[in-house]
Amino acid sequence: MSGYDFPMLSTVADVATLVSTRAAFHTLAERVLAPDLQRATGRIGLRRTAGGFGQPEHVVDGHRRRIRVDGTFLVVDHDGDGESWHDITTLGAAAALVGLPPDAETGVFVATSAGDPDAPLAVDPVAAATIAEWFRFVDTALEEFRHRHAALLPSVVQLWPEHFDLACSIGEINFGGSPGDAGDSGRVEPYLYVGPWSPPPVGGFWNEPYGAALERSAVTTVDDALEFFERGLAAAS
């Protein structure tokens, strides 16, 4: 596969706006998109979409429907009523738009993102584009990795709202990419990861308690990402 180049973090968005935008997106994923999807389908897995992330298409009252984030907008796709674009402002406004209370839960996980319905969701357009591009990069790498190992029956690539990362699994190993973590102990920069369901002792390839991580600054092409995933698969096996 030919390499796929992408701009480095330092030339796209500064860390502060990346962190605040990522936090806003995590809130929308956990507290709006996932609960809305769960009440319609019983599922919580989201997807990478053009311009960001969102629900997979599903049917509500006989019509295809999807809520997604594109840049600084919350977009409602409904083939019965067309597509509407709304500025991202607060959790309360986003929840009201899709007909949810702001404290909606999925019953599958306990939300850890900010839950104040009136607090502004600070979404910077450059940081939003950075996160969207990172998810596009990770999705490209994961789909190629799944294709290479189709005989191992990989899962589909999904964006998990509780962690806000894009991932698939092969056997009992998770492969994915995160736009960064919250908290002092997390990785602020986007990163790739390999996470066996039974994490091995830290050492050598395994540099995290859950497995291994590789920051975006150490990755230049999809081939680099694939090499990391292949090393993880071999090490975990």
Protein backbone atom coordinates (compact mmCIF):
# COMPACT_ATOMS: atom_id res chain seq x y z
CA MET A 1 0.00 0.00 0.00
CA SER A 2 1.37 3.45 -0.83
CA GLY A 3 2.00 5.78 2.10
CA TYR A 4 -0.56 8.42 3.00
CA ASP A 5 0.92 11.66 4.31
CA PHE A 6 -0.94 13.97 6.65
CA PRO A 7 -0.10 17.26 8.41
CA MET A 8 1.56 17.04 11.81
CA LEU A 9 -0.26 18.22 14.92
CA SER A 10 1.92 21.29 15.52
CA THR A 11 0.99 22.74 12.13
CA VAL A 12 -2.73 22.10 12.45
CA ALA A 13 -4.05 22.94 15.92
CA ASP A 14 -2.48 24.03 19.20
CA VAL A 15 -2.84 21.69 22.15
CA ALA A 16 -5.23 23.88 24.19
CA THR A 17 -7.87 24.15 21.45
CA LEU A 18 -7.42 20.49 20.57
CA VAL A 19 -8.10 19.48 24.18
CA SER A 20 -11.20 21.67 24.57
CA THR A 21 -12.65 20.62 21.20
CA ARG A 22 -12.01 16.96 21.92
CA ALA A 23 -13.76 17.34 25.29
CA ALA A 24 -16.79 18.92 23.60
CA PHE A 25 -16.94 16.13 21.03
CA HIS A 26 -16.65 13.49 23.76
CA THR A 27 -19.65 15.06 25.50
CA LEU A 28 -21.70 14.98 22.31
CA ALA A 29 -20.70 11.38 21.56
CA GLU A 30 -21.47 10.10 25.07
CA ARG A 31 -24.50 12.17 25.99
CA VAL A 32 -26.30 12.84 22.71
CA LEU A 33 -25.31 10.62 19.77
CA ALA A 34 -24.96 7.36 21.68
CA PRO A 35 -28.16 7.67 23.79
CA ASP A 36 -30.15 8.70 20.71
CA LEU A 37 -28.79 5.73 18.75
CA GLN A 38 -29.34 3.33 21.64
CA ARG A 39 -33.01 4.20 22.04
CA ALA A 40 -33.56 3.58 18.31
CA THR A 41 -31.40 0.50 17.75
CA GLY A 42 -30.15 -0.82 21.09
CA ARG A 43 -26.57 -0.11 19.97
CA ILE A 44 -24.04 2.57 20.90
CA GLY A 45 -21.23 2.15 18.33
CA LEU A 46 -20.63 5.29 16.24
CA ARG A 47 -18.67 5.73 13.00
CA ARG A 48 -16.19 8.05 11.35
CA THR A 49 -18.05 10.29 8.92
CA ALA A 50 -17.02 12.95 6.42
CA GLY A 51 -16.00 15.97 8.48
CA GLY A 52 -15.99 14.18 11.82
CA PHE A 53 -18.01 11.38 13.38
CA GLY A 54 -21.60 10.29 13.86
CA GLN A 55 -24.15 7.54 14.03
CA PRO A 56 -24.46 4.81 11.43
CA GLU A 57 -27.58 5.28 9.35
CA HIS A 58 -30.61 3.64 10.95
CA VAL A 59 -34.36 3.59 10.40
CA VAL A 60 -36.80 5.55 12.56
CA ASP A 61 -40.51 5.50 11.68
CA GLY A 62 -39.68 4.12 8.24
CA HIS A 63 -37.12 6.81 7.41
CA ARG A 64 -33.34 6.64 7.34
CA ARG A 65 -31.85 8.86 10.04
CA ARG A 66 -28.41 9.81 11.32
CA ILE A 67 -27.02 12.44 13.70
CA ARG A 68 -23.41 13.44 13.05
CA VAL A 69 -20.81 16.08 13.82
CA ASP A 70 -19.25 17.90 10.88
CA GLY A 71 -16.72 20.54 11.88
CA THR A 72 -18.46 22.91 14.28
CA PHE A 73 -21.96 21.74 13.34
CA LEU A 74 -24.36 19.11 14.58
CA VAL A 75 -26.04 17.71 11.48
CA VAL A 76 -29.36 15.87 11.38
CA ASP A 77 -29.75 13.64 8.31
CA HIS A 78 -33.32 12.46 7.79
CA ASP A 79 -34.50 11.37 4.37
CA GLY A 80 -38.06 12.33 5.27
CA ASP A 81 -37.21 15.91 6.25
CA GLY A 82 -33.88 16.59 4.55
CA GLU A 83 -30.61 17.56 6.20
CA SER A 84 -30.28 20.36 8.76
CA TRP A 85 -27.10 21.94 10.13
CA HIS A 86 -26.94 23.49 13.61
CA ASP A 87 -24.12 25.33 15.37
CA ILE A 88 -22.71 23.38 18.30
CA THR A 89 -23.43 25.52 21.39
CA THR A 90 -24.33 23.57 24.55
CA LEU A 91 -25.17 20.03 25.59
CA GLY A 92 -28.70 21.15 26.45
CA ALA A 93 -29.30 22.58 23.00
CA ALA A 94 -27.90 19.49 21.27
CA ALA A 95 -29.99 17.15 23.40
CA ALA A 96 -33.15 19.17 22.78
CA LEU A 97 -32.48 19.11 19.04
CA VAL A 98 -32.70 15.30 18.96
CA GLY A 99 -35.45 15.05 21.58
CA LEU A 100 -33.40 13.87 24.55
CA PRO A 101 -33.09 15.12 28.13
CA PRO A 102 -29.57 16.47 28.77
CA ASP A 103 -28.96 13.74 31.37
CA ALA A 104 -29.84 10.87 29.00
CA GLU A 105 -27.93 7.63 29.58
CA THR A 106 -27.40 4.56 27.41
CA GLY A 107 -27.44 2.06 30.28
CA VAL A 108 -24.32 0.54 28.74
CA PHE A 109 -21.64 2.78 30.26
CA VAL A 110 -21.38 5.57 32.82
CA ALA A 111 -20.64 8.86 31.08
CA THR A 112 -17.46 10.62 32.25
CA SER A 113 -17.60 13.69 29.99
CA ALA A 114 -18.85 17.09 31.18
CA GLY A 115 -22.60 17.02 31.74
CA ASP A 116 -23.54 20.65 32.46
CA PRO A 117 -26.39 21.30 29.98
CA ASP A 118 -25.76 25.06 29.90
CA ALA A 119 -21.95 25.18 29.72
CA PRO A 120 -20.62 26.23 26.29
CA LEU A 121 -19.15 23.44 24.18
CA ALA A 122 -15.97 25.07 22.92
CA VAL A 123 -15.40 23.76 19.40
CA ASP A 124 -12.59 25.32 17.39
CA PRO A 125 -12.85 24.79 13.61
CA VAL A 126 -9.13 24.09 13.13
CA ALA A 127 -9.07 21.62 16.03
CA ALA A 128 -12.26 20.00 14.70
CA ALA A 129 -10.56 19.54 11.33
CA THR A 130 -7.50 18.06 13.08
CA ILE A 131 -9.63 15.47 14.87
CA ALA A 132 -11.59 14.66 11.70
CA GLU A 133 -8.35 14.16 9.77
CA TRP A 134 -6.93 11.95 12.50
CA PHE A 135 -10.03 9.76 12.46
CA ARG A 136 -9.82 9.55 8.66
CA PHE A 137 -6.19 8.45 8.93
CA VAL A 138 -6.94 5.86 11.63
CA ASP A 139 -9.95 4.53 9.71
CA THR A 140 -7.84 4.10 6.56
CA ALA A 141 -5.18 2.17 8.48
CA LEU A 142 -7.68 -0.02 10.33
CA GLU A 143 -9.60 -0.94 7.19
CA GLU A 144 -6.38 -1.99 5.46
CA PHE A 145 -5.34 -3.94 8.57
CA ARG A 146 -8.73 -5.69 8.66
CA HIS A 147 -8.38 -6.57 4.98
CA ARG A 148 -4.96 -8.10 5.56
CA HIS A 149 -6.28 -10.25 8.39
CA ALA A 150 -9.76 -11.07 7.11
CA ALA A 151 -9.20 -14.75 7.92
CA LEU A 152 -9.05 -13.81 11.62
CA LEU A 153 -12.60 -12.39 11.46
CA PRO A 154 -11.94 -8.82 12.61
CA SER A 155 -14.77 -6.74 13.99
CA VAL A 156 -16.06 -3.68 12.16
CA VAL A 157 -14.40 -0.33 12.87
CA GLN A 158 -16.45 1.69 15.33
CA LEU A 159 -16.07 4.87 17.33
CA TRP A 160 -16.77 4.03 20.96
CA PRO A 161 -18.45 7.00 22.65
CA GLU A 162 -17.32 6.25 26.21
CA HIS A 163 -13.64 6.34 25.19
CA PHE A 164 -14.04 8.55 22.11
CA ASP A 165 -11.69 6.44 20.03
CA LEU A 166 -11.92 4.58 16.72
CA ALA A 167 -11.15 0.88 16.96
CA CYS A 168 -11.68 -2.70 15.87
CA SER A 169 -10.70 -6.02 17.42
CA ILE A 170 -9.02 -9.14 16.12
CA GLY A 171 -9.28 -12.11 18.41
CA GLU A 172 -8.98 -10.66 21.89
CA ILE A 173 -6.89 -7.65 20.87
CA ASN A 174 -8.12 -4.09 20.28
CA PHE A 175 -6.48 -1.92 17.62
CA GLY A 176 -7.32 1.72 17.32
CA GLY A 177 -6.58 5.41 17.48
CA SER A 178 -7.54 8.10 19.96
CA PRO A 179 -7.51 11.89 19.50
CA GLY A 180 -6.01 12.12 23.01
CA ASP A 181 -6.88 11.53 26.64
CA ALA A 182 -8.16 13.67 29.46
CA GLY A 183 -6.32 14.04 32.76
CA ASP A 184 -2.72 14.49 33.79
CA SER A 185 -1.84 10.83 33.24
CA GLY A 186 -3.21 10.67 29.68
CA ARG A 187 -1.64 11.39 26.30
CA VAL A 188 -2.63 14.85 25.11
CA GLU A 189 -1.53 14.19 21.54
CA PRO A 190 -3.52 11.83 19.28
CA TYR A 191 -2.11 8.31 19.30
CA LEU A 192 -2.49 4.78 17.98
CA TYR A 193 -2.84 1.86 20.37
CA VAL A 194 -2.87 -1.92 20.69
CA GLY A 195 -4.77 -3.25 23.69
CA PRO A 196 -4.95 -6.98 24.42
CA TRP A 197 -8.00 -7.87 26.48
CA SER A 198 -5.60 -9.37 29.02
CA PRO A 199 -2.87 -6.69 29.07
CA PRO A 200 0.71 -8.00 29.19
CA PRO A 201 3.35 -6.70 31.65
CA VAL A 202 4.74 -3.30 30.66
CA GLY A 203 8.13 -3.59 28.95
CA GLY A 204 9.57 -3.68 25.45
CA PHE A 205 6.79 -3.06 22.92
CA TRP A 206 4.25 -2.75 25.73
CA ASN A 207 4.62 0.82 27.05
CA GLU A 208 1.19 1.33 28.65
CA PRO A 209 -0.69 -0.56 31.40
CA TYR A 210 -3.31 -1.57 28.83
CA GLY A 211 -0.84 -2.48 26.04
CA ALA A 212 1.05 -0.15 23.70
CA ALA A 213 0.66 3.35 22.28
CA LEU A 214 2.35 5.32 19.51
CA GLU A 215 1.88 9.10 19.37
CA ARG A 216 0.92 10.84 16.16
CA SER A 217 4.23 12.69 16.03
CA ALA A 218 5.94 9.31 15.51
CA VAL A 219 3.66 8.37 12.59
CA THR A 220 3.99 9.78 9.07
CA THR A 221 2.07 7.39 6.81
CA VAL A 222 -0.55 4.68 6.93
CA ASP A 223 2.27 2.22 6.39
CA ASP A 224 3.78 3.38 9.69
CA ALA A 225 0.46 2.72 11.42
CA LEU A 226 0.18 -0.70 9.83
CA GLU A 227 3.68 -1.61 10.97
CA PHE A 228 2.73 -0.66 14.55
CA PHE A 229 -0.47 -2.72 14.41
CA GLU A 230 1.39 -5.70 12.92
CA ARG A 231 4.01 -5.52 15.69
CA GLY A 232 1.21 -5.49 18.23
CA LEU A 233 -0.54 -8.46 16.69
CA ALA A 234 2.69 -10.46 16.66
CA ALA A 235 3.61 -9.47 20.21
CA ALA A 236 0.18 -10.28 21.60
CA SER A 237 0.10 -13.60 19.79
